[in-house]
Amino acid sequence: MVKVMDNLQITITKVHFRMEETVATADTKQSTFGILMHSLKINTVDKDDSETFHDREKNSNFFKKLVMDGLAVYLNPADPLLIHKVMKDKKHAQDLMESAVTSYKN
């Protein structure tokens, strides 16, 4: 089990977490908050920063490397596009969220 944890690799891509305010009064506008991340990768590397397989029997020291690409946070106090109002179904909402992540990367 230790070898598995030492050499565990994690890759996550196209993350978009979005919160929409659903209650607004006549004098306030609806706001949105979100976090975008194109990718996150965690893997085991050696002292020269090269990906490697770690074996504790040969060497007790090892390193983990975390790389985040395209991390962004936004707050829009007057967002004209509220996905929960324009989405036709769950798939349409996912497509709208994914297009925001894709357009951010490009």
PDB file of N, CA and C in Angstrom:
ATOM      1  N   MET A   1       0.815  -1.196   0.000  1.00  0.00           N
ATOM      2  CA  MET A   1       0.000   0.000   0.000  1.00  0.00           C
ATOM      3  C   MET A   1       0.862   1.265   0.000  1.00  0.00           C
ATOM      4  N   VAL A   2       1.985   1.218   0.683  1.00  0.00           N
ATOM      5  CA  VAL A   2       2.877   2.385   0.744  1.00  0.00           C
ATOM      6  C   VAL A   2       3.423   2.716  -0.639  1.00  0.00           C
ATOM      7  N   LYS A   3       3.786   1.688  -1.427  1.00  0.00           N
ATOM      8  CA  LYS A   3       4.305   1.936  -2.779  1.00  0.00           C
ATOM      9  C   LYS A   3       3.255   2.637  -3.642  1.00  0.00           C
ATOM     10  N   VAL A   4       2.027   2.237  -3.474  1.00  0.00           N
ATOM     11  CA  VAL A   4       0.952   2.869  -4.246  1.00  0.00           C
ATOM     12  C   VAL A   4       0.842   4.340  -3.875  1.00  0.00           C
ATOM     13  N   MET A   5       0.840   4.648  -2.587  1.00  0.00           N
ATOM     14  CA  MET A   5       0.718   6.046  -2.152  1.00  0.00           C
ATOM     15  C   MET A   5       1.948   6.865  -2.566  1.00  0.00           C
ATOM     16  N   ASP A   6       3.128   6.281  -2.478  1.00  0.00           N
ATOM     17  CA  ASP A   6       4.340   6.994  -2.883  1.00  0.00           C
ATOM     18  C   ASP A   6       4.310   7.357  -4.359  1.00  0.00           C
ATOM     19  N   ASN A   7       3.694   6.531  -5.166  1.00  0.00           N
ATOM     20  CA  ASN A   7       3.726   6.708  -6.621  1.00  0.00           C
ATOM     21  C   ASN A   7       2.382   7.116  -7.216  1.00  0.00           C
ATOM     22  N   LEU A   8       1.453   7.490  -6.367  1.00  0.00           N
ATOM     23  CA  LEU A   8       0.136   7.903  -6.836  1.00  0.00           C
ATOM     24  C   LEU A   8       0.248   9.144  -7.710  1.00  0.00           C
ATOM     25  N   GLN A   9      -0.389   9.099  -8.864  1.00  0.00           N
ATOM     26  CA  GLN A   9      -0.430  10.240  -9.766  1.00  0.00           C
ATOM     27  C   GLN A   9      -1.873  10.682  -9.899  1.00  0.00           C
ATOM     28  N   ILE A  10      -2.092  11.984  -9.853  1.00  0.00           N
ATOM     29  CA  ILE A  10      -3.439  12.540  -9.968  1.00  0.00           C
ATOM     30  C   ILE A  10      -3.432  13.576 -11.075  1.00  0.00           C
ATOM     31  N   THR A  11      -4.402  13.483 -11.976  1.00  0.00           N
ATOM     32  CA  THR A  11      -4.577  14.483 -13.026  1.00  0.00           C
ATOM     33  C   THR A  11      -6.050  14.872 -13.065  1.00  0.00           C
ATOM     34  N   ILE A  12      -6.306  16.164 -12.976  1.00  0.00           N
ATOM     35  CA  ILE A  12      -7.665  16.698 -13.046  1.00  0.00           C
ATOM     36  C   ILE A  12      -7.662  17.773 -14.123  1.00  0.00           C
ATOM     37  N   THR A  13      -8.661  17.752 -15.012  1.00  0.00           N
ATOM     38  CA  THR A  13      -8.720  18.758 -16.075  1.00  0.00           C
ATOM     39  C   THR A  13     -10.105  19.394 -16.146  1.00  0.00           C
ATOM     40  N   LYS A  14     -10.120  20.600 -16.687  1.00  0.00           N
ATOM     41  CA  LYS A  14     -11.338  21.364 -16.959  1.00  0.00           C
ATOM     42  C   LYS A  14     -12.281  21.456 -15.763  1.00  0.00           C
ATOM     43  N   VAL A  15     -11.836  22.194 -14.746  1.00  0.00           N
ATOM     44  CA  VAL A  15     -12.654  22.408 -13.553  1.00  0.00           C
ATOM     45  C   VAL A  15     -13.268  23.801 -13.623  1.00  0.00           C
ATOM     46  N   HIS A  16     -14.565  23.881 -13.372  1.00  0.00           N
ATOM     47  CA  HIS A  16     -15.249  25.168 -13.285  1.00  0.00           C
ATOM     48  C   HIS A  16     -16.273  25.065 -12.166  1.00  0.00           C
ATOM     49  N   PHE A  17     -15.991  25.737 -11.077  1.00  0.00           N
ATOM     50  CA  PHE A  17     -16.894  25.808  -9.937  1.00  0.00           C
ATOM     51  C   PHE A  17     -17.530  27.181  -9.981  1.00  0.00           C
ATOM     52  N   ARG A  18     -18.854  27.239 -10.002  1.00  0.00           N
ATOM     53  CA  ARG A  18     -19.555  28.511 -10.147  1.00  0.00           C
ATOM     54  C   ARG A  18     -20.709  28.585  -9.170  1.00  0.00           C
ATOM     55  N   MET A  19     -20.806  29.726  -8.507  1.00  0.00           N
ATOM     56  CA  MET A  19     -21.946  29.985  -7.628  1.00  0.00           C
ATOM     57  C   MET A  19     -22.704  31.169  -8.190  1.00  0.00           C
ATOM     58  N   GLU A  20     -24.018  31.029  -8.273  1.00  0.00           N
ATOM     59  CA  GLU A  20     -24.866  32.112  -8.755  1.00  0.00           C
ATOM     60  C   GLU A  20     -25.835  32.520  -7.658  1.00  0.00           C
ATOM     61  N   GLU A  21     -25.922  33.825  -7.433  1.00  0.00           N
ATOM     62  CA  GLU A  21     -26.903  34.327  -6.487  1.00  0.00           C
ATOM     63  C   GLU A  21     -28.270  34.247  -7.165  1.00  0.00           C
ATOM     64  N   THR A  22     -29.196  33.580  -6.540  1.00  0.00           N
ATOM     65  CA  THR A  22     -30.506  33.384  -7.178  1.00  0.00           C
ATOM     66  C   THR A  22     -31.571  34.329  -6.643  1.00  0.00           C
ATOM     67  N   VAL A  23     -31.242  35.095  -5.624  1.00  0.00           N
ATOM     68  CA  VAL A  23     -32.213  36.034  -5.060  1.00  0.00           C
ATOM     69  C   VAL A  23     -31.657  37.437  -5.198  1.00  0.00           C
ATOM     70  N   ALA A  24     -32.418  38.278  -5.845  1.00  0.00           N
ATOM     71  CA  ALA A  24     -32.016  39.677  -5.982  1.00  0.00           C
ATOM     72  C   ALA A  24     -33.264  40.542  -5.849  1.00  0.00           C
ATOM     73  N   THR A  25     -33.067  41.720  -5.325  1.00  0.00           N
ATOM     74  CA  THR A  25     -34.190  42.658  -5.209  1.00  0.00           C
ATOM     75  C   THR A  25     -34.131  43.623  -6.373  1.00  0.00           C
ATOM     76  N   ALA A  26     -35.104  44.506  -6.453  1.00  0.00           N
ATOM     77  CA  ALA A  26     -35.157  45.458  -7.568  1.00  0.00           C
ATOM     78  C   ALA A  26     -33.939  46.373  -7.598  1.00  0.00           C
ATOM     79  N   ASP A  27     -33.360  46.657  -6.452  1.00  0.00           N
ATOM     80  CA  ASP A  27     -32.217  47.572  -6.412  1.00  0.00           C
ATOM     81  C   ASP A  27     -30.859  46.855  -6.384  1.00  0.00           C
ATOM     82  N   THR A  28     -30.850  45.528  -6.430  1.00  0.00           N
ATOM     83  CA  THR A  28     -29.584  44.794  -6.503  1.00  0.00           C
ATOM     84  C   THR A  28     -29.566  43.895  -7.734  1.00  0.00           C
ATOM     85  N   LYS A  29     -28.393  43.620  -8.216  1.00  0.00           N
ATOM     86  CA  LYS A  29     -28.252  42.741  -9.380  1.00  0.00           C
ATOM     87  C   LYS A  29     -27.752  41.386  -8.925  1.00  0.00           C
ATOM     88  N   GLN A  30     -28.001  40.379  -9.734  1.00  0.00           N
ATOM     89  CA  GLN A  30     -27.541  39.037  -9.397  1.00  0.00           C
ATOM     90  C   GLN A  30     -26.049  38.926  -9.681  1.00  0.00           C
ATOM     91  N   SER A  31     -25.352  38.253  -8.781  1.00  0.00           N
ATOM     92  CA  SER A  31     -23.895  38.149  -8.915  1.00  0.00           C
ATOM     93  C   SER A  31     -23.475  36.696  -9.047  1.00  0.00           C
ATOM     94  N   THR A  32     -22.247  36.528  -9.560  1.00  0.00           N
ATOM     95  CA  THR A  32     -21.668  35.194  -9.704  1.00  0.00           C
ATOM     96  C   THR A  32     -20.251  35.203  -9.145  1.00  0.00           C
ATOM     97  N   PHE A  33     -19.835  34.025  -8.705  1.00  0.00           N
ATOM     98  CA  PHE A  33     -18.477  33.810  -8.203  1.00  0.00           C
ATOM     99  C   PHE A  33     -18.026  32.485  -8.779  1.00  0.00           C
ATOM    100  N   GLY A  34     -16.779  32.396  -9.214  1.00  0.00           N
ATOM    101  CA  GLY A  34     -16.319  31.131  -9.765  1.00  0.00           C
ATOM    102  C   GLY A  34     -14.821  30.937  -9.695  1.00  0.00           C
ATOM    103  N   ILE A  35     -14.449  29.682  -9.841  1.00  0.00           N
ATOM    104  CA  ILE A  35     -13.044  29.285  -9.912  1.00  0.00           C
ATOM    105  C   ILE A  35     -12.886  28.409 -11.150  1.00  0.00           C
ATOM    106  N   LEU A  36     -11.924  28.761 -11.988  1.00  0.00           N
ATOM    107  CA  LEU A  36     -11.600  27.994 -13.193  1.00  0.00           C
ATOM    108  C   LEU A  36     -10.204  27.415 -13.052  1.00  0.00           C
ATOM    109  N   MET A  37     -10.040  26.209 -13.527  1.00  0.00           N
ATOM    110  CA  MET A  37      -8.701  25.629 -13.568  1.00  0.00           C
ATOM    111  C   MET A  37      -8.639  24.716 -14.782  1.00  0.00           C
ATOM    112  N   HIS A  38      -7.682  24.968 -15.655  1.00  0.00           N
ATOM    113  CA  HIS A  38      -7.563  24.125 -16.842  1.00  0.00           C
ATOM    114  C   HIS A  38      -7.051  22.742 -16.466  1.00  0.00           C
ATOM    115  N   SER A  39      -6.026  22.674 -15.610  1.00  0.00           N
ATOM    116  CA  SER A  39      -5.539  21.347 -15.211  1.00  0.00           C
ATOM    117  C   SER A  39      -4.759  21.413 -13.908  1.00  0.00           C
ATOM    118  N   LEU A  40      -4.725  20.272 -13.240  1.00  0.00           N
ATOM    119  CA  LEU A  40      -3.938  20.072 -12.032  1.00  0.00           C
ATOM    120  C   LEU A  40      -3.316  18.688 -12.147  1.00  0.00           C
ATOM    121  N   LYS A  41      -2.024  18.603 -11.871  1.00  0.00           N
ATOM    122  CA  LYS A  41      -1.331  17.320 -11.959  1.00  0.00           C
ATOM    123  C   LYS A  41      -0.409  17.165 -10.750  1.00  0.00           C
ATOM    124  N   ILE A  42      -0.488  16.005 -10.108  1.00  0.00           N
ATOM    125  CA  ILE A  42       0.390  15.672  -8.988  1.00  0.00           C
ATOM    126  C   ILE A  42       1.083  14.357  -9.328  1.00  0.00           C
ATOM    127  N   ASN A  43       2.400  14.346  -9.222  1.00  0.00           N
ATOM    128  CA  ASN A  43       3.133  13.104  -9.483  1.00  0.00           C
ATOM    129  C   ASN A  43       4.434  13.060  -8.688  1.00  0.00           C
ATOM    130  N   THR A  44       5.071  11.904  -8.700  1.00  0.00           N
ATOM    131  CA  THR A  44       6.332  11.688  -7.994  1.00  0.00           C
ATOM    132  C   THR A  44       7.490  12.041  -8.921  1.00  0.00           C
ATOM    133  N   VAL A  45       8.457  12.790  -8.385  1.00  0.00           N
ATOM    134  CA  VAL A  45       9.630  13.175  -9.174  1.00  0.00           C
ATOM    135  C   VAL A  45      10.897  12.893  -8.372  1.00  0.00           C
ATOM    136  N   ASP A  46      12.000  12.827  -9.090  1.00  0.00           N
ATOM    137  CA  ASP A  46      13.285  12.648  -8.410  1.00  0.00           C
ATOM    138  C   ASP A  46      13.908  14.010  -8.114  1.00  0.00           C
ATOM    139  N   LYS A  47      15.128  14.008  -7.586  1.00  0.00           N
ATOM    140  CA  LYS A  47      15.787  15.266  -7.211  1.00  0.00           C
ATOM    141  C   LYS A  47      16.058  16.174  -8.411  1.00  0.00           C
ATOM    142  N   ASP A  48      16.032  15.607  -9.637  1.00  0.00           N
ATOM    143  CA  ASP A  48      16.246  16.397 -10.855  1.00  0.00           C
ATOM    144  C   ASP A  48      14.939  16.831 -11.496  1.00  0.00           C
ATOM    145  N   ASP A  49      13.822  16.631 -10.796  1.00  0.00           N
ATOM    146  CA  ASP A  49      12.498  17.047 -11.244  1.00  0.00           C
ATOM    147  C   ASP A  49      11.964  16.231 -12.424  1.00  0.00           C
ATOM    148  N   SER A  50      12.455  14.995 -12.566  1.00  0.00           N
ATOM    149  CA  SER A  50      11.969  14.099 -13.611  1.00  0.00           C
ATOM    150  C   SER A  50      10.980  13.107 -12.989  1.00  0.00           C
ATOM    151  N   GLU A  51       9.904  12.813 -13.713  1.00  0.00           N
ATOM    152  CA  GLU A  51       8.941  11.838 -13.218  1.00  0.00           C
ATOM    153  C   GLU A  51       9.651  10.506 -12.984  1.00  0.00           C
ATOM    154  N   THR A  52       9.283   9.840 -11.893  1.00  0.00           N
ATOM    155  CA  THR A  52       9.966   8.607 -11.540  1.00  0.00           C
ATOM    156  C   THR A  52       9.047   7.681 -10.763  1.00  0.00           C
ATOM    157  N   PHE A  53       9.463   6.436 -10.662  1.00  0.00           N
ATOM    158  CA  PHE A  53       8.810   5.465  -9.787  1.00  0.00           C
ATOM    159  C   PHE A  53       9.653   5.397  -8.526  1.00  0.00           C
ATOM    160  N   HIS A  54       9.035   5.574  -7.370  1.00  0.00           N
ATOM    161  CA  HIS A  54       9.787   5.599  -6.123  1.00  0.00           C
ATOM    162  C   HIS A  54       9.745   4.245  -5.429  1.00  0.00           C
ATOM    163  N   ASP A  55      10.901   3.800  -4.950  1.00  0.00           N
ATOM    164  CA  ASP A  55      11.014   2.552  -4.196  1.00  0.00           C
ATOM    165  C   ASP A  55      11.699   2.874  -2.873  1.00  0.00           C
ATOM    166  N   ARG A  56      10.988   2.769  -1.766  1.00  0.00           N
ATOM    167  CA  ARG A  56      11.535   3.109  -0.438  1.00  0.00           C
ATOM    168  C   ARG A  56      12.717   2.225  -0.041  1.00  0.00           C
ATOM    169  N   GLU A  57      12.795   1.018  -0.570  1.00  0.00           N
ATOM    170  CA  GLU A  57      13.902   0.122  -0.222  1.00  0.00           C
ATOM    171  C   GLU A  57      15.229   0.650  -0.762  1.00  0.00           C
ATOM    172  N   LYS A  58      15.173   1.373  -1.865  1.00  0.00           N
ATOM    173  CA  LYS A  58      16.397   1.918  -2.468  1.00  0.00           C
ATOM    174  C   LYS A  58      16.706   3.325  -1.958  1.00  0.00           C
ATOM    175  N   ASN A  59      15.651   4.109  -1.687  1.00  0.00           N
ATOM    176  CA  ASN A  59      15.845   5.498  -1.285  1.00  0.00           C
ATOM    177  C   ASN A  59      14.628   5.943  -0.485  1.00  0.00           C
ATOM    178  N   SER A  60      14.862   6.485   0.697  1.00  0.00           N
ATOM    179  CA  SER A  60      13.736   6.903   1.532  1.00  0.00           C
ATOM    180  C   SER A  60      13.217   8.294   1.172  1.00  0.00           C
ATOM    181  N   ASN A  61      14.021   9.074   0.457  1.00  0.00           N
ATOM    182  CA  ASN A  61      13.605  10.430   0.076  1.00  0.00           C
ATOM    183  C   ASN A  61      12.935  10.430  -1.296  1.00  0.00           C
ATOM    184  N   PHE A  62      11.847  11.154  -1.384  1.00  0.00           N
ATOM    185  CA  PHE A  62      11.211  11.344  -2.685  1.00  0.00           C
ATOM    186  C   PHE A  62      10.458  12.669  -2.660  1.00  0.00           C
ATOM    187  N   PHE A  63      10.029  13.111  -3.813  1.00  0.00           N
ATOM    188  CA  PHE A  63       9.388  14.414  -3.943  1.00  0.00           C
ATOM    189  C   PHE A  63       8.072  14.264  -4.696  1.00  0.00           C
ATOM    190  N   LYS A  64       7.123  15.105  -4.344  1.00  0.00           N
ATOM    191  CA  LYS A  64       5.860  15.201  -5.078  1.00  0.00           C
ATOM    192  C   LYS A  64       5.829  16.562  -5.758  1.00  0.00           C
ATOM    193  N   LYS A  65       5.355  16.575  -6.976  1.00  0.00           N
ATOM    194  CA  LYS A  65       5.282  17.815  -7.743  1.00  0.00           C
ATOM    195  C   LYS A  65       3.816  18.112  -8.051  1.00  0.00           C
ATOM    196  N   LEU A  66       3.401  19.336  -7.792  1.00  0.00           N
ATOM    197  CA  LEU A  66       2.052  19.786  -8.097  1.00  0.00           C
ATOM    198  C   LEU A  66       2.141  20.893  -9.139  1.00  0.00           C
ATOM    199  N   VAL A  67       1.434  20.726 -10.247  1.00  0.00           N
ATOM    200  CA  VAL A  67       1.426  21.734 -11.307  1.00  0.00           C
ATOM    201  C   VAL A  67      -0.022  22.118 -11.577  1.00  0.00           C
ATOM    202  N   MET A  68      -0.316  23.416 -11.456  1.00  0.00           N
ATOM    203  CA  MET A  68      -1.642  23.939 -11.809  1.00  0.00           C
ATOM    204  C   MET A  68      -1.483  24.822 -13.031  1.00  0.00           C
ATOM    205  N   ASP A  69      -2.392  24.663 -13.975  1.00  0.00           N
ATOM    206  CA  ASP A  69      -2.346  25.444 -15.203  1.00  0.00           C
ATOM    207  C   ASP A  69      -3.683  26.152 -15.378  1.00  0.00           C
ATOM    208  N   GLY A  70      -3.631  27.427 -15.652  1.00  0.00           N
ATOM    209  CA  GLY A  70      -4.841  28.187 -15.952  1.00  0.00           C
ATOM    210  C   GLY A  70      -5.768  28.361 -14.771  1.00  0.00           C
ATOM    211  N   LEU A  71      -5.241  28.746 -13.622  1.00  0.00           N
ATOM    212  CA  LEU A  71      -6.071  28.963 -12.443  1.00  0.00           C
ATOM    213  C   LEU A  71      -6.578  30.399 -12.452  1.00  0.00           C
ATOM    214  N   ALA A  72      -7.882  30.558 -12.284  1.00  0.00           N
ATOM    215  CA  ALA A  72      -8.475  31.896 -12.250  1.00  0.00           C
ATOM    216  C   ALA A  72      -9.646  31.905 -11.278  1.00  0.00           C
ATOM    217  N   VAL A  73      -9.854  33.047 -10.669  1.00  0.00           N
ATOM    218  CA  VAL A  73     -10.986  33.253  -9.778  1.00  0.00           C
ATOM    219  C   VAL A  73     -11.710  34.498 -10.276  1.00  0.00           C
ATOM    220  N   TYR A  74     -13.042  34.455 -10.296  1.00  0.00           N
ATOM    221  CA  TYR A  74     -13.784  35.631 -10.728  1.00  0.00           C
ATOM    222  C   TYR A  74     -14.947  35.930  -9.795  1.00  0.00           C
ATOM    223  N   LEU A  75     -15.290  37.197  -9.740  1.00  0.00           N
ATOM    224  CA  LEU A  75     -16.453  37.679  -9.013  1.00  0.00           C
ATOM    225  C   LEU A  75     -17.090  38.741  -9.895  1.00  0.00           C
ATOM    226  N   ASN A  76     -18.324  38.510 -10.284  1.00  0.00           N
ATOM    227  CA  ASN A  76     -19.024  39.470 -11.131  1.00  0.00           C
ATOM    228  C   ASN A  76     -20.289  39.904 -10.396  1.00  0.00           C
ATOM    229  N   PRO A  77     -20.307  41.144  -9.890  1.00  0.00           N
ATOM    230  CA  PRO A  77     -21.462  41.593  -9.113  1.00  0.00           C
ATOM    231  C   PRO A  77     -22.704  41.884  -9.955  1.00  0.00           C
ATOM    232  N   ALA A  78     -22.573  41.874 -11.281  1.00  0.00           N
ATOM    233  CA  ALA A  78     -23.729  42.128 -12.163  1.00  0.00           C
ATOM    234  C   ALA A  78     -23.603  41.263 -13.413  1.00  0.00           C
ATOM    235  N   ASP A  79     -23.637  39.971 -13.248  1.00  0.00           N
ATOM    236  CA  ASP A  79     -23.440  39.038 -14.361  1.00  0.00           C
ATOM    237  C   ASP A  79     -24.716  38.940 -15.202  1.00  0.00           C
ATOM    238  N   PRO A  80     -24.629  39.240 -16.499  1.00  0.00           N
ATOM    239  CA  PRO A  80     -25.824  39.138 -17.343  1.00  0.00           C
ATOM    240  C   PRO A  80     -26.190  37.690 -17.696  1.00  0.00           C
ATOM    241  N   LEU A  81     -25.229  36.767 -17.633  1.00  0.00           N
ATOM    242  CA  LEU A  81     -25.492  35.368 -17.970  1.00  0.00           C
ATOM    243  C   LEU A  81     -25.597  34.543 -16.699  1.00  0.00           C
ATOM    244  N   LEU A  82     -26.802  34.197 -16.340  1.00  0.00           N
ATOM    245  CA  LEU A  82     -27.018  33.309 -15.209  1.00  0.00           C
ATOM    246  C   LEU A  82     -27.417  31.956 -15.775  1.00  0.00           C
ATOM    247  N   ILE A  83     -26.499  31.011 -15.670  1.00  0.00           N
ATOM    248  CA  ILE A  83     -26.672  29.710 -16.303  1.00  0.00           C
ATOM    249  C   ILE A  83     -27.936  29.015 -15.825  1.00  0.00           C
ATOM    250  N   HIS A  84     -28.273  29.154 -14.555  1.00  0.00           N
ATOM    251  CA  HIS A  84     -29.464  28.465 -14.055  1.00  0.00           C
ATOM    252  C   HIS A  84     -30.745  28.981 -14.701  1.00  0.00           C
ATOM    253  N   LYS A  85     -30.697  30.181 -15.322  1.00  0.00           N
ATOM    254  CA  LYS A  85     -31.892  30.717 -15.989  1.00  0.00           C
ATOM    255  C   LYS A  85     -31.945  30.365 -17.473  1.00  0.00           C
ATOM    256  N   VAL A  86     -30.798  30.174 -18.122  1.00  0.00           N
ATOM    257  CA  VAL A  86     -30.797  29.932 -19.568  1.00  0.00           C
ATOM    258  C   VAL A  86     -30.610  28.470 -19.944  1.00  0.00           C
ATOM    259  N   MET A  87     -30.247  27.638 -18.974  1.00  0.00           N
ATOM    260  CA  MET A  87     -29.992  26.235 -19.317  1.00  0.00           C
ATOM    261  C   MET A  87     -31.288  25.512 -19.670  1.00  0.00           C
ATOM    262  N   LYS A  88     -31.180  24.675 -20.688  1.00  0.00           N
ATOM    263  CA  LYS A  88     -32.329  23.879 -21.125  1.00  0.00           C
ATOM    264  C   LYS A  88     -32.407  22.576 -20.337  1.00  0.00           C
ATOM    265  N   ASP A  89     -31.245  22.019 -20.023  1.00  0.00           N
ATOM    266  CA  ASP A  89     -31.162  20.784 -19.250  1.00  0.00           C
ATOM    267  C   ASP A  89     -29.755  20.698 -18.657  1.00  0.00           C
ATOM    268  N   LYS A  90     -29.488  19.632 -17.929  1.00  0.00           N
ATOM    269  CA  LYS A  90     -28.189  19.481 -17.270  1.00  0.00           C
ATOM    270  C   LYS A  90     -27.043  19.472 -18.276  1.00  0.00           C
ATOM    271  N   LYS A  91     -27.210  18.805 -19.390  1.00  0.00           N
ATOM    272  CA  LYS A  91     -26.160  18.723 -20.425  1.00  0.00           C
ATOM    273  C   LYS A  91     -25.855  20.115 -20.978  1.00  0.00           C
ATOM    274  N   HIS A  92     -26.883  20.916 -21.219  1.00  0.00           N
ATOM    275  CA  HIS A  92     -26.693  22.278 -21.730  1.00  0.00           C
ATOM    276  C   HIS A  92     -25.906  23.119 -20.715  1.00  0.00           C
ATOM    277  N   ALA A  93     -26.224  22.979 -19.427  1.00  0.00           N
ATOM    278  CA  ALA A  93     -25.498  23.710 -18.390  1.00  0.00           C
ATOM    279  C   ALA A  93     -24.029  23.297 -18.364  1.00  0.00           C
ATOM    280  N   GLN A  94     -23.758  22.002 -18.477  1.00  0.00           N
ATOM    281  CA  GLN A  94     -22.378  21.514 -18.502  1.00  0.00           C
ATOM    282  C   GLN A  94     -21.635  22.066 -19.712  1.00  0.00           C
ATOM    283  N   ASP A  95     -22.308  22.121 -20.864  1.00  0.00           N
ATOM    284  CA  ASP A  95     -21.677  22.663 -22.069  1.00  0.00           C
ATOM    285  C   ASP A  95     -21.329  24.141 -21.891  1.00  0.00           C
ATOM    286  N   LEU A  96     -22.230  24.913 -21.265  1.00  0.00           N
ATOM    287  CA  LEU A  96     -21.965  26.335 -21.020  1.00  0.00           C
ATOM    288  C   LEU A  96     -20.762  26.511 -20.087  1.00  0.00           C
ATOM    289  N   MET A  97     -20.708  25.705 -19.045  1.00  0.00           N
ATOM    290  CA  MET A  97     -19.593  25.796 -18.093  1.00  0.00           C
ATOM    291  C   MET A  97     -18.281  25.376 -18.758  1.00  0.00           C
ATOM    292  N   GLU A  98     -18.324  24.297 -19.550  1.00  0.00           N
ATOM    293  CA  GLU A  98     -17.104  23.819 -20.221  1.00  0.00           C
ATOM    294  C   GLU A  98     -16.610  24.835 -21.239  1.00  0.00           C
ATOM    295  N   SER A  99     -17.516  25.488 -21.944  1.00  0.00           N
ATOM    296  CA  SER A  99     -17.083  26.483 -22.936  1.00  0.00           C
ATOM    297  C   SER A  99     -16.363  27.644 -22.255  1.00  0.00           C
ATOM    298  N   ALA A 100     -16.760  27.971 -21.041  1.00  0.00           N
ATOM    299  CA  ALA A 100     -16.065  29.038 -20.308  1.00  0.00           C
ATOM    300  C   ALA A 100     -14.636  28.622 -19.977  1.00  0.00           C
ATOM    301  N   VAL A 101     -14.431  27.378 -19.586  1.00  0.00           N
ATOM    302  CA  VAL A 101     -13.083  26.881 -19.270  1.00  0.00           C
ATOM    303  C   VAL A 101     -12.244  26.819 -20.532  1.00  0.00           C
ATOM    304  N   THR A 102     -12.817  26.299 -21.615  1.00  0.00           N
ATOM    305  CA  THR A 102     -12.100  26.170 -22.884  1.00  0.00           C
ATOM    306  C   THR A 102     -11.718  27.533 -23.440  1.00  0.00           C
ATOM    307  N   SER A 103     -12.638  28.495 -23.413  1.00  0.00           N
ATOM    308  CA  SER A 103     -12.326  29.806 -23.952  1.00  0.00           C
ATOM    309  C   SER A 103     -11.297  30.525 -23.090  1.00  0.00           C
ATOM    310  N   TYR A 104     -11.263  30.230 -21.781  1.00  0.00           N
ATOM    311  CA  TYR A 104     -10.250  30.837 -20.921  1.00  0.00           C
ATOM    312  C   TYR A 104      -8.862  30.366 -21.305  1.00  0.00           C
ATOM    313  N   LYS A 105      -8.717  29.070 -21.586  1.00  0.00           N
ATOM    314  CA  LYS A 105      -7.405  28.495 -21.932  1.00  0.00           C
ATOM    315  C   LYS A 105      -6.894  29.040 -23.252  1.00  0.00           C
ATOM    316  N   ASN A 106      -7.775  29.210 -24.217  1.00  0.00           N
ATOM    317  CA  ASN A 106      -7.344  29.685 -25.543  1.00  0.00           C
ATOM    318  C   ASN A 106      -7.150  31.154 -25.485  1.00  0.00           C
TER     319      ASN A 106
END
